[in-house]
Amino acid sequence: MDGVEVCRRIRDTSDCYVVMLTARAQEIDVLIGLEVGADDYIAKPFSPRELTARVAALFRRPRGAPDQTRAASPASPAVIDGGAGLLVDRNAHLVTIDGDVVDLTRTEYDLLCHLAARSGTVVPRGELLREVWDTEFTGDSHVVDVHVANLRRKLRLHSTTSWIRTVRGVGFRFDGA
């Protein structure tokens, strides 16, 4: 069994942290690893200090029941109406489009919440890394682009509406209701 299958099976039963450390460094391999549920993907050769920093960043992100770690804060709405049938229920940790449930990973859900809560505002990649991944890592922000692409693809399975726009060289903007 390869690492992708191991990750897929882990995700069926657990929300533990998964870092893929592999010799497969092509973009398609990274995309597949992140798509099946890896929290991070590091290609060999790698810096042990970078690996340590990335693992430490993961441990700063709490893992727990959605109602404990992802509930709406008093300043943010419990339900975000994204327009065109998109609803994000932050207390139920549920995303629906025209009543159909959209199956998202935790990271995709957190990205959508962060962007939708700032509808109409450009959110830089660095802010997404800080808020969604809870890290100050300033290296390659490609991981953000990969997860946004996965999120867009899953939303497109339920609607032709494009809610998330790329602002070249800066970040992303949610265009909702």
N, C-alpha and C. Protein backbone atom coordinates (compact mmCIF):
# COMPACT_ATOMS: atom_id res chain seq x y z
N MET A 1 0.85 -1.17 0.00
CA MET A 1 0.00 0.00 0.00
C MET A 1 0.90 1.24 0.00
N ASP A 2 0.58 2.23 -0.83
CA ASP A 2 1.40 3.43 -0.88
C ASP A 2 0.89 4.48 0.12
N GLY A 3 1.63 5.57 0.25
CA GLY A 3 1.30 6.60 1.22
C GLY A 3 -0.05 7.26 0.98
N VAL A 4 -0.43 7.41 -0.27
CA VAL A 4 -1.73 8.00 -0.59
C VAL A 4 -2.86 7.13 -0.04
N GLU A 5 -2.74 5.83 -0.24
CA GLU A 5 -3.77 4.92 0.27
C GLU A 5 -3.77 4.90 1.79
N VAL A 6 -2.59 4.94 2.40
CA VAL A 6 -2.51 5.00 3.87
C VAL A 6 -3.23 6.24 4.38
N CYS A 7 -2.94 7.38 3.76
CA CYS A 7 -3.58 8.64 4.17
C CYS A 7 -5.09 8.56 4.00
N ARG A 8 -5.53 8.02 2.87
CA ARG A 8 -6.96 7.88 2.61
C ARG A 8 -7.63 7.04 3.71
N ARG A 9 -7.01 5.96 4.10
CA ARG A 9 -7.58 5.08 5.13
C ARG A 9 -7.56 5.74 6.50
N ILE A 10 -6.51 6.49 6.78
CA ILE A 10 -6.45 7.21 8.05
C ILE A 10 -7.60 8.22 8.12
N ARG A 11 -7.82 8.93 7.03
CA ARG A 11 -8.88 9.95 7.01
C ARG A 11 -10.27 9.35 7.15
N ASP A 12 -10.44 8.08 6.81
CA ASP A 12 -11.74 7.43 6.99
C ASP A 12 -12.12 7.31 8.45
N THR A 13 -11.11 7.24 9.33
CA THR A 13 -11.39 6.98 10.74
C THR A 13 -10.83 8.01 11.71
N SER A 14 -9.98 8.93 11.24
CA SER A 14 -9.29 9.81 12.18
C SER A 14 -9.08 11.20 11.60
N ASP A 15 -8.97 12.16 12.50
CA ASP A 15 -8.65 13.53 12.12
C ASP A 15 -7.26 13.91 12.64
N CYS A 16 -6.39 12.89 12.80
CA CYS A 16 -5.03 13.14 13.29
C CYS A 16 -4.24 13.93 12.24
N TYR A 17 -3.12 14.48 12.66
CA TYR A 17 -2.25 15.20 11.74
C TYR A 17 -1.56 14.21 10.81
N VAL A 18 -1.46 14.59 9.54
CA VAL A 18 -0.76 13.76 8.56
C VAL A 18 0.18 14.65 7.76
N VAL A 19 1.47 14.32 7.83
CA VAL A 19 2.48 15.00 7.01
C VAL A 19 3.06 13.94 6.09
N MET A 20 2.96 14.17 4.80
CA MET A 20 3.56 13.24 3.85
C MET A 20 4.99 13.69 3.58
N LEU A 21 5.93 12.79 3.81
CA LEU A 21 7.35 13.02 3.57
C LEU A 21 7.76 12.00 2.52
N THR A 22 8.04 12.47 1.30
CA THR A 22 8.15 11.56 0.18
C THR A 22 9.17 12.03 -0.85
N ALA A 23 9.60 11.10 -1.67
CA ALA A 23 10.50 11.42 -2.78
C ALA A 23 9.70 11.92 -3.99
N ARG A 24 8.40 11.74 -3.98
CA ARG A 24 7.57 12.19 -5.09
C ARG A 24 7.36 13.70 -4.99
N ALA A 25 7.97 14.45 -5.92
CA ALA A 25 7.97 15.90 -5.80
C ALA A 25 7.23 16.62 -6.93
N GLN A 26 6.65 15.87 -7.85
CA GLN A 26 5.94 16.53 -8.93
C GLN A 26 4.64 17.14 -8.41
N GLU A 27 4.20 18.21 -9.07
CA GLU A 27 3.01 18.92 -8.62
C GLU A 27 1.80 18.00 -8.49
N ILE A 28 1.61 17.09 -9.41
CA ILE A 28 0.46 16.20 -9.35
C ILE A 28 0.51 15.33 -8.10
N ASP A 29 1.70 14.91 -7.68
CA ASP A 29 1.84 14.12 -6.46
C ASP A 29 1.45 14.93 -5.23
N VAL A 30 1.89 16.19 -5.19
CA VAL A 30 1.53 17.08 -4.08
C VAL A 30 0.02 17.27 -4.05
N LEU A 31 -0.57 17.54 -5.20
CA LEU A 31 -2.01 17.75 -5.28
C LEU A 31 -2.78 16.53 -4.79
N ILE A 32 -2.37 15.37 -5.21
CA ILE A 32 -3.04 14.14 -4.79
C ILE A 32 -2.89 13.95 -3.29
N GLY A 33 -1.68 14.14 -2.76
CA GLY A 33 -1.46 13.98 -1.32
C GLY A 33 -2.34 14.90 -0.49
N LEU A 34 -2.42 16.17 -0.89
CA LEU A 34 -3.26 17.11 -0.16
C LEU A 34 -4.74 16.80 -0.35
N GLU A 35 -5.10 16.35 -1.53
CA GLU A 35 -6.51 16.04 -1.82
C GLU A 35 -7.01 14.88 -0.96
N VAL A 36 -6.19 13.88 -0.72
CA VAL A 36 -6.64 12.73 0.06
C VAL A 36 -6.64 13.01 1.56
N GLY A 37 -6.11 14.20 1.95
CA GLY A 37 -6.25 14.59 3.34
C GLY A 37 -4.99 14.90 4.11
N ALA A 38 -3.83 14.93 3.45
CA ALA A 38 -2.61 15.29 4.17
C ALA A 38 -2.69 16.75 4.61
N ASP A 39 -2.20 17.03 5.80
CA ASP A 39 -2.16 18.41 6.28
C ASP A 39 -0.98 19.16 5.69
N ASP A 40 0.06 18.45 5.34
CA ASP A 40 1.24 19.06 4.73
C ASP A 40 1.92 18.00 3.87
N TYR A 41 2.78 18.44 2.96
CA TYR A 41 3.45 17.55 2.02
C TYR A 41 4.86 18.08 1.84
N ILE A 42 5.84 17.28 2.17
CA ILE A 42 7.23 17.70 2.06
C ILE A 42 7.97 16.69 1.19
N ALA A 43 8.65 17.21 0.16
CA ALA A 43 9.39 16.35 -0.76
C ALA A 43 10.85 16.26 -0.32
N LYS A 44 11.43 15.09 -0.55
CA LYS A 44 12.85 14.88 -0.27
C LYS A 44 13.66 15.48 -1.42
N PRO A 45 14.83 15.97 -1.22
CA PRO A 45 15.47 16.15 0.09
C PRO A 45 14.78 17.29 0.83
N PHE A 46 14.82 17.24 2.14
CA PHE A 46 14.15 18.25 2.95
C PHE A 46 15.09 18.70 4.07
N SER A 47 14.78 19.83 4.61
CA SER A 47 15.55 20.36 5.75
C SER A 47 14.89 19.85 7.03
N PRO A 48 15.64 19.20 7.89
CA PRO A 48 15.06 18.75 9.16
C PRO A 48 14.50 19.92 9.98
N ARG A 49 15.11 21.10 9.89
CA ARG A 49 14.59 22.25 10.62
C ARG A 49 13.25 22.70 10.05
N GLU A 50 13.10 22.63 8.73
CA GLU A 50 11.81 22.99 8.13
C GLU A 50 10.75 21.97 8.54
N LEU A 51 11.09 20.68 8.53
CA LEU A 51 10.15 19.65 8.96
C LEU A 51 9.72 19.91 10.40
N THR A 52 10.65 20.22 11.27
CA THR A 52 10.34 20.51 12.67
C THR A 52 9.41 21.72 12.79
N ALA A 53 9.68 22.77 12.01
CA ALA A 53 8.85 23.97 12.04
C ALA A 53 7.44 23.67 11.55
N ARG A 54 7.32 22.86 10.51
CA ARG A 54 5.99 22.54 9.97
C ARG A 54 5.19 21.67 10.94
N VAL A 55 5.86 20.73 11.59
CA VAL A 55 5.16 19.89 12.59
C VAL A 55 4.74 20.75 13.77
N ALA A 56 5.60 21.66 14.21
CA ALA A 56 5.24 22.56 15.31
C ALA A 56 4.04 23.42 14.94
N ALA A 57 3.99 23.89 13.69
CA ALA A 57 2.84 24.67 13.24
C ALA A 57 1.56 23.85 13.28
N LEU A 58 1.65 22.58 12.91
CA LEU A 58 0.47 21.72 12.98
C LEU A 58 -0.01 21.56 14.42
N PHE A 59 0.90 21.39 15.35
CA PHE A 59 0.52 21.22 16.75
C PHE A 59 -0.09 22.48 17.35
N ARG A 60 0.18 23.63 16.75
CA ARG A 60 -0.46 24.86 17.23
C ARG A 60 -1.91 24.93 16.79
N ARG A 61 -2.27 24.12 15.80
CA ARG A 61 -3.67 24.07 15.35
C ARG A 61 -4.42 23.07 16.20
N PRO A 62 -5.44 23.49 16.89
CA PRO A 62 -6.15 22.53 17.75
C PRO A 62 -6.92 21.50 16.94
N ARG A 63 -6.92 20.29 17.45
CA ARG A 63 -7.76 19.23 16.88
C ARG A 63 -8.76 18.89 17.96
N GLY A 64 -9.98 18.90 17.62
CA GLY A 64 -11.02 18.57 18.59
C GLY A 64 -12.35 18.55 17.90
N ALA A 65 -13.39 18.45 18.67
CA ALA A 65 -14.74 18.44 18.12
C ALA A 65 -15.01 19.78 17.44
N PRO A 66 -15.72 19.78 16.31
CA PRO A 66 -15.97 21.02 15.60
C PRO A 66 -16.62 22.09 16.48
N ASP A 67 -17.51 21.71 17.38
CA ASP A 67 -18.17 22.71 18.20
C ASP A 67 -17.22 23.35 19.20
N GLN A 68 -16.09 22.71 19.48
CA GLN A 68 -15.11 23.28 20.40
C GLN A 68 -14.14 24.20 19.68
N THR A 69 -13.74 23.86 18.48
CA THR A 69 -12.67 24.60 17.82
C THR A 69 -13.15 25.47 16.67
N ARG A 70 -14.29 25.21 16.11
CA ARG A 70 -14.70 25.92 14.90
C ARG A 70 -16.03 26.64 15.05
N ALA A 71 -16.55 26.79 16.23
CA ALA A 71 -17.84 27.46 16.40
C ALA A 71 -17.70 28.93 16.04
N ALA A 72 -18.80 29.52 15.66
CA ALA A 72 -18.79 30.93 15.31
C ALA A 72 -18.46 31.77 16.53
N SER A 73 -17.63 32.78 16.33
CA SER A 73 -17.32 33.68 17.42
C SER A 73 -18.47 34.66 17.58
N PRO A 74 -18.57 35.32 18.73
CA PRO A 74 -19.67 36.26 18.94
C PRO A 74 -19.70 37.36 17.89
N ALA A 75 -18.55 37.72 17.33
CA ALA A 75 -18.49 38.81 16.36
C ALA A 75 -18.85 38.35 14.94
N SER A 76 -18.91 37.05 14.69
CA SER A 76 -19.19 36.56 13.35
C SER A 76 -20.54 35.84 13.33
N PRO A 77 -21.22 35.89 12.19
CA PRO A 77 -22.52 35.23 12.12
C PRO A 77 -22.39 33.71 12.18
N ALA A 78 -23.39 33.07 12.77
CA ALA A 78 -23.39 31.61 12.85
C ALA A 78 -23.63 31.00 11.47
N VAL A 79 -24.44 31.67 10.64
CA VAL A 79 -24.71 31.20 9.29
C VAL A 79 -24.33 32.30 8.32
N ILE A 80 -23.47 31.95 7.37
CA ILE A 80 -23.05 32.90 6.34
C ILE A 80 -23.79 32.55 5.06
N ASP A 81 -24.53 33.53 4.52
CA ASP A 81 -25.22 33.35 3.24
C ASP A 81 -24.28 33.84 2.15
N GLY A 82 -23.72 32.90 1.39
CA GLY A 82 -22.78 33.25 0.34
C GLY A 82 -23.44 33.63 -0.97
N GLY A 83 -24.75 33.60 -1.01
CA GLY A 83 -25.46 33.90 -2.24
C GLY A 83 -25.49 32.70 -3.17
N ALA A 84 -26.39 32.73 -4.14
CA ALA A 84 -26.54 31.66 -5.14
C ALA A 84 -26.73 30.29 -4.49
N GLY A 85 -27.40 30.27 -3.31
CA GLY A 85 -27.73 29.00 -2.66
C GLY A 85 -26.69 28.47 -1.71
N LEU A 86 -25.54 29.16 -1.56
CA LEU A 86 -24.47 28.70 -0.68
C LEU A 86 -24.73 29.17 0.75
N LEU A 87 -24.79 28.22 1.68
CA LEU A 87 -24.92 28.54 3.10
C LEU A 87 -23.81 27.84 3.87
N VAL A 88 -23.17 28.58 4.78
CA VAL A 88 -22.13 28.04 5.65
C VAL A 88 -22.64 28.16 7.07
N ASP A 89 -22.98 27.03 7.68
CA ASP A 89 -23.46 27.00 9.06
C ASP A 89 -22.26 26.69 9.94
N ARG A 90 -21.73 27.72 10.59
CA ARG A 90 -20.50 27.57 11.36
C ARG A 90 -20.71 26.76 12.63
N ASN A 91 -21.89 26.83 13.23
CA ASN A 91 -22.13 26.05 14.44
C ASN A 91 -22.30 24.57 14.14
N ALA A 92 -22.92 24.26 13.02
CA ALA A 92 -23.12 22.86 12.62
C ALA A 92 -21.93 22.33 11.81
N HIS A 93 -21.00 23.21 11.47
CA HIS A 93 -19.84 22.84 10.64
C HIS A 93 -20.33 22.19 9.35
N LEU A 94 -21.23 22.91 8.66
CA LEU A 94 -21.91 22.35 7.50
C LEU A 94 -21.98 23.38 6.38
N VAL A 95 -21.69 22.92 5.17
CA VAL A 95 -21.80 23.77 3.98
C VAL A 95 -22.81 23.12 3.05
N THR A 96 -23.77 23.92 2.60
CA THR A 96 -24.77 23.41 1.65
C THR A 96 -24.89 24.37 0.47
N ILE A 97 -25.23 23.80 -0.68
CA ILE A 97 -25.57 24.58 -1.86
C ILE A 97 -26.92 24.08 -2.33
N ASP A 98 -27.90 24.96 -2.30
CA ASP A 98 -29.28 24.61 -2.65
C ASP A 98 -29.75 23.37 -1.90
N GLY A 99 -29.36 23.26 -0.64
CA GLY A 99 -29.78 22.16 0.22
C GLY A 99 -28.91 20.92 0.15
N ASP A 100 -28.02 20.83 -0.84
CA ASP A 100 -27.12 19.69 -0.95
C ASP A 100 -25.87 19.93 -0.10
N VAL A 101 -25.49 18.95 0.69
CA VAL A 101 -24.31 19.06 1.54
C VAL A 101 -23.06 18.96 0.68
N VAL A 102 -22.12 19.88 0.90
CA VAL A 102 -20.84 19.88 0.20
C VAL A 102 -19.82 19.24 1.14
N ASP A 103 -19.22 18.15 0.70
CA ASP A 103 -18.26 17.42 1.52
C ASP A 103 -16.88 18.08 1.40
N LEU A 104 -16.45 18.73 2.49
CA LEU A 104 -15.18 19.44 2.51
C LEU A 104 -14.27 18.89 3.59
N THR A 105 -12.98 18.98 3.35
CA THR A 105 -12.03 18.66 4.41
C THR A 105 -12.06 19.80 5.42
N ARG A 106 -11.44 19.58 6.56
CA ARG A 106 -11.40 20.63 7.58
C ARG A 106 -10.72 21.88 7.06
N THR A 107 -9.63 21.72 6.34
CA THR A 107 -8.90 22.88 5.82
C THR A 107 -9.73 23.62 4.78
N GLU A 108 -10.39 22.90 3.89
CA GLU A 108 -11.25 23.55 2.89
C GLU A 108 -12.38 24.31 3.56
N TYR A 109 -12.98 23.69 4.58
CA TYR A 109 -14.05 24.35 5.33
C TYR A 109 -13.54 25.63 5.99
N ASP A 110 -12.39 25.55 6.64
CA ASP A 110 -11.82 26.71 7.31
C ASP A 110 -11.49 27.82 6.31
N LEU A 111 -10.97 27.45 5.14
CA LEU A 111 -10.70 28.44 4.09
C LEU A 111 -11.99 29.14 3.66
N LEU A 112 -13.02 28.34 3.41
CA LEU A 112 -14.29 28.91 2.98
C LEU A 112 -14.85 29.85 4.04
N CYS A 113 -14.82 29.42 5.30
CA CYS A 113 -15.32 30.28 6.39
C CYS A 113 -14.56 31.60 6.44
N HIS A 114 -13.24 31.50 6.37
CA HIS A 114 -12.41 32.71 6.47
C HIS A 114 -12.69 33.66 5.31
N LEU A 115 -12.77 33.13 4.11
CA LEU A 115 -13.02 33.97 2.94
C LEU A 115 -14.44 34.52 2.95
N ALA A 116 -15.43 33.68 3.25
CA ALA A 116 -16.83 34.11 3.22
C ALA A 116 -17.12 35.15 4.30
N ALA A 117 -16.46 35.03 5.45
CA ALA A 117 -16.66 36.01 6.52
C ALA A 117 -16.11 37.38 6.13
N ARG A 118 -15.26 37.42 5.12
CA ARG A 118 -14.67 38.67 4.64
C ARG A 118 -15.11 38.95 3.21
N SER A 119 -16.33 38.61 2.90
CA SER A 119 -16.87 38.75 1.55
C SER A 119 -16.57 40.13 0.97
N GLY A 120 -16.07 40.13 -0.26
CA GLY A 120 -15.76 41.37 -0.96
C GLY A 120 -14.39 41.94 -0.65
N THR A 121 -13.68 41.34 0.29
CA THR A 121 -12.36 41.82 0.70
C THR A 121 -11.29 40.87 0.19
N VAL A 122 -10.20 41.41 -0.33
CA VAL A 122 -9.09 40.58 -0.77
C VAL A 122 -8.35 40.08 0.47
N VAL A 123 -8.19 38.77 0.57
CA VAL A 123 -7.49 38.15 1.69
C VAL A 123 -6.15 37.64 1.17
N PRO A 124 -5.05 38.22 1.65
CA PRO A 124 -3.73 37.78 1.19
C PRO A 124 -3.42 36.34 1.60
N ARG A 125 -2.59 35.68 0.82
CA ARG A 125 -2.18 34.30 1.13
C ARG A 125 -1.55 34.20 2.52
N GLY A 126 -0.75 35.19 2.88
CA GLY A 126 -0.11 35.18 4.19
C GLY A 126 -1.12 35.17 5.33
N GLU A 127 -2.19 35.92 5.17
CA GLU A 127 -3.24 35.92 6.19
C GLU A 127 -3.91 34.56 6.27
N LEU A 128 -4.15 33.95 5.12
CA LEU A 128 -4.76 32.61 5.12
C LEU A 128 -3.84 31.61 5.81
N LEU A 129 -2.53 31.69 5.55
CA LEU A 129 -1.59 30.80 6.23
C LEU A 129 -1.64 31.01 7.75
N ARG A 130 -1.70 32.28 8.18
CA ARG A 130 -1.74 32.57 9.62
C ARG A 130 -3.04 32.10 10.25
N GLU A 131 -4.16 32.38 9.60
CA GLU A 131 -5.47 32.13 10.21
C GLU A 131 -5.96 30.70 10.04
N VAL A 132 -5.74 30.12 8.88
CA VAL A 132 -6.26 28.77 8.61
C VAL A 132 -5.24 27.70 9.02
N TRP A 133 -3.97 27.94 8.69
CA TRP A 133 -2.93 26.96 9.04
C TRP A 133 -2.25 27.31 10.36
N ASP A 134 -2.54 28.49 10.90
CA ASP A 134 -1.97 28.94 12.17
C ASP A 134 -0.45 28.88 12.15
N THR A 135 0.12 29.46 11.10
CA THR A 135 1.58 29.48 10.99
C THR A 135 2.04 30.80 10.40
N GLU A 136 3.24 31.20 10.76
CA GLU A 136 3.86 32.40 10.20
C GLU A 136 4.82 32.03 9.08
N PHE A 137 4.78 30.79 8.61
CA PHE A 137 5.68 30.32 7.56
C PHE A 137 5.60 31.25 6.36
N THR A 138 6.74 31.74 5.91
CA THR A 138 6.76 32.71 4.82
C THR A 138 7.35 32.13 3.54
N GLY A 139 7.52 30.82 3.48
CA GLY A 139 8.07 30.18 2.28
C GLY A 139 7.01 30.10 1.19
N ASP A 140 7.00 29.02 0.49
CA ASP A 140 6.08 28.81 -0.63
C ASP A 140 4.64 28.73 -0.14
N SER A 141 3.82 29.65 -0.60
CA SER A 141 2.41 29.66 -0.20
C SER A 141 1.55 28.84 -1.18
N HIS A 142 2.20 27.99 -1.96
CA HIS A 142 1.49 27.17 -2.95
C HIS A 142 0.43 26.27 -2.29
N VAL A 143 0.65 25.90 -1.04
CA VAL A 143 -0.31 25.05 -0.35
C VAL A 143 -1.68 25.73 -0.29
N VAL A 144 -1.70 27.05 -0.16
CA VAL A 144 -2.96 27.80 -0.14
C VAL A 144 -3.66 27.64 -1.48
N ASP A 145 -2.90 27.83 -2.56
CA ASP A 145 -3.47 27.73 -3.91
C ASP A 145 -4.05 26.34 -4.16
N VAL A 146 -3.36 25.31 -3.70
CA VAL A 146 -3.82 23.93 -3.89
C VAL A 146 -5.15 23.72 -3.18
N HIS A 147 -5.24 24.16 -1.93
CA HIS A 147 -6.48 23.95 -1.17
C HIS A 147 -7.62 24.80 -1.73
N VAL A 148 -7.33 26.01 -2.19
CA VAL A 148 -8.38 26.83 -2.81
C VAL A 148 -8.88 26.15 -4.09
N ALA A 149 -7.96 25.59 -4.87
CA ALA A 149 -8.37 24.88 -6.10
C ALA A 149 -9.26 23.68 -5.75
N ASN A 150 -8.90 22.95 -4.71
CA ASN A 150 -9.74 21.81 -4.29
C ASN A 150 -11.11 22.30 -3.83
N LEU A 151 -11.14 23.38 -3.07
CA LEU A 151 -12.40 23.95 -2.60
C LEU A 151 -13.27 24.37 -3.78
N ARG A 152 -12.68 25.08 -4.73
CA ARG A 152 -13.45 25.51 -5.92
C ARG A 152 -14.03 24.30 -6.65
N ARG A 153 -13.22 23.27 -6.82
CA ARG A 153 -13.67 22.08 -7.55
C ARG A 153 -14.88 21.45 -6.85
N LYS A 154 -14.81 21.35 -5.53
CA LYS A 154 -15.92 20.74 -4.79
C LYS A 154 -17.18 21.61 -4.84
N LEU A 155 -17.02 22.93 -4.81
CA LEU A 155 -18.19 23.80 -4.93
C LEU A 155 -18.80 23.69 -6.32
N ARG A 156 -17.94 23.54 -7.36
CA ARG A 156 -18.43 23.41 -8.74
C ARG A 156 -19.22 22.12 -8.96
N LEU A 157 -19.02 21.12 -8.11
CA LEU A 157 -19.80 19.89 -8.24
C LEU A 157 -21.28 20.14 -7.97
N HIS A 158 -21.59 21.24 -7.26
CA HIS A 158 -22.96 21.53 -6.86
C HIS A 158 -23.53 22.78 -7.52
N SER A 159 -22.69 23.59 -8.17
CA SER A 159 -23.16 24.83 -8.78
C SER A 159 -22.14 25.34 -9.79
N THR A 160 -22.61 26.11 -10.74
CA THR A 160 -21.70 26.73 -11.70
C THR A 160 -21.22 28.11 -11.23
N THR A 161 -21.72 28.56 -10.10
CA THR A 161 -21.32 29.86 -9.56
C THR A 161 -19.87 29.81 -9.09
N SER A 162 -19.14 30.88 -9.37
CA SER A 162 -17.75 31.00 -8.90
C SER A 162 -17.73 32.03 -7.78
N TRP A 163 -17.58 31.55 -6.55
CA TRP A 163 -17.59 32.44 -5.40
C TRP A 163 -16.21 33.01 -5.09
N ILE A 164 -15.16 32.25 -5.38
CA ILE A 164 -13.82 32.63 -4.97
C ILE A 164 -13.03 33.09 -6.18
N ARG A 165 -12.56 34.33 -6.12
CA ARG A 165 -11.78 34.92 -7.20
C ARG A 165 -10.31 35.04 -6.78
N THR A 166 -9.42 34.82 -7.73
CA THR A 166 -8.00 35.03 -7.48
C THR A 166 -7.66 36.47 -7.81
N VAL A 167 -6.95 37.13 -6.90
CA VAL A 167 -6.44 38.47 -7.16
C VAL A 167 -4.94 38.29 -7.34
N ARG A 168 -4.50 38.34 -8.59
CA ARG A 168 -3.12 38.00 -8.94
C ARG A 168 -2.10 38.74 -8.09
N GLY A 169 -1.17 37.96 -7.58
CA GLY A 169 -0.08 38.51 -6.80
C GLY A 169 -0.43 38.90 -5.37
N VAL A 170 -1.71 38.73 -4.99
CA VAL A 170 -2.13 39.15 -3.65
C VAL A 170 -2.75 38.00 -2.87
N GLY A 171 -3.90 37.52 -3.37
CA GLY A 171 -4.61 36.47 -2.63
C GLY A 171 -5.94 36.15 -3.28
N PHE A 172 -6.97 36.06 -2.44
CA PHE A 172 -8.29 35.63 -2.92
C PHE A 172 -9.38 36.52 -2.35
N ARG A 173 -10.48 36.62 -3.11
CA ARG A 173 -11.64 37.40 -2.68
C ARG A 173 -12.88 36.55 -2.84
N PHE A 174 -13.71 36.51 -1.81
CA PHE A 174 -15.00 35.82 -1.87
C PHE A 174 -16.03 36.82 -2.35
N ASP A 175 -16.68 36.51 -3.45
CA ASP A 175 -17.75 37.36 -3.98
C ASP A 175 -19.08 36.68 -3.71
N GLY A 176 -19.71 37.05 -2.63
CA GLY A 176 -20.97 36.42 -2.23
C GLY A 176 -22.13 37.37 -2.34
N ALA A 177 -23.16 37.05 -1.56
CA ALA A 177 -24.41 37.81 -1.59
C ALA A 177 -24.22 39.25 -1.20
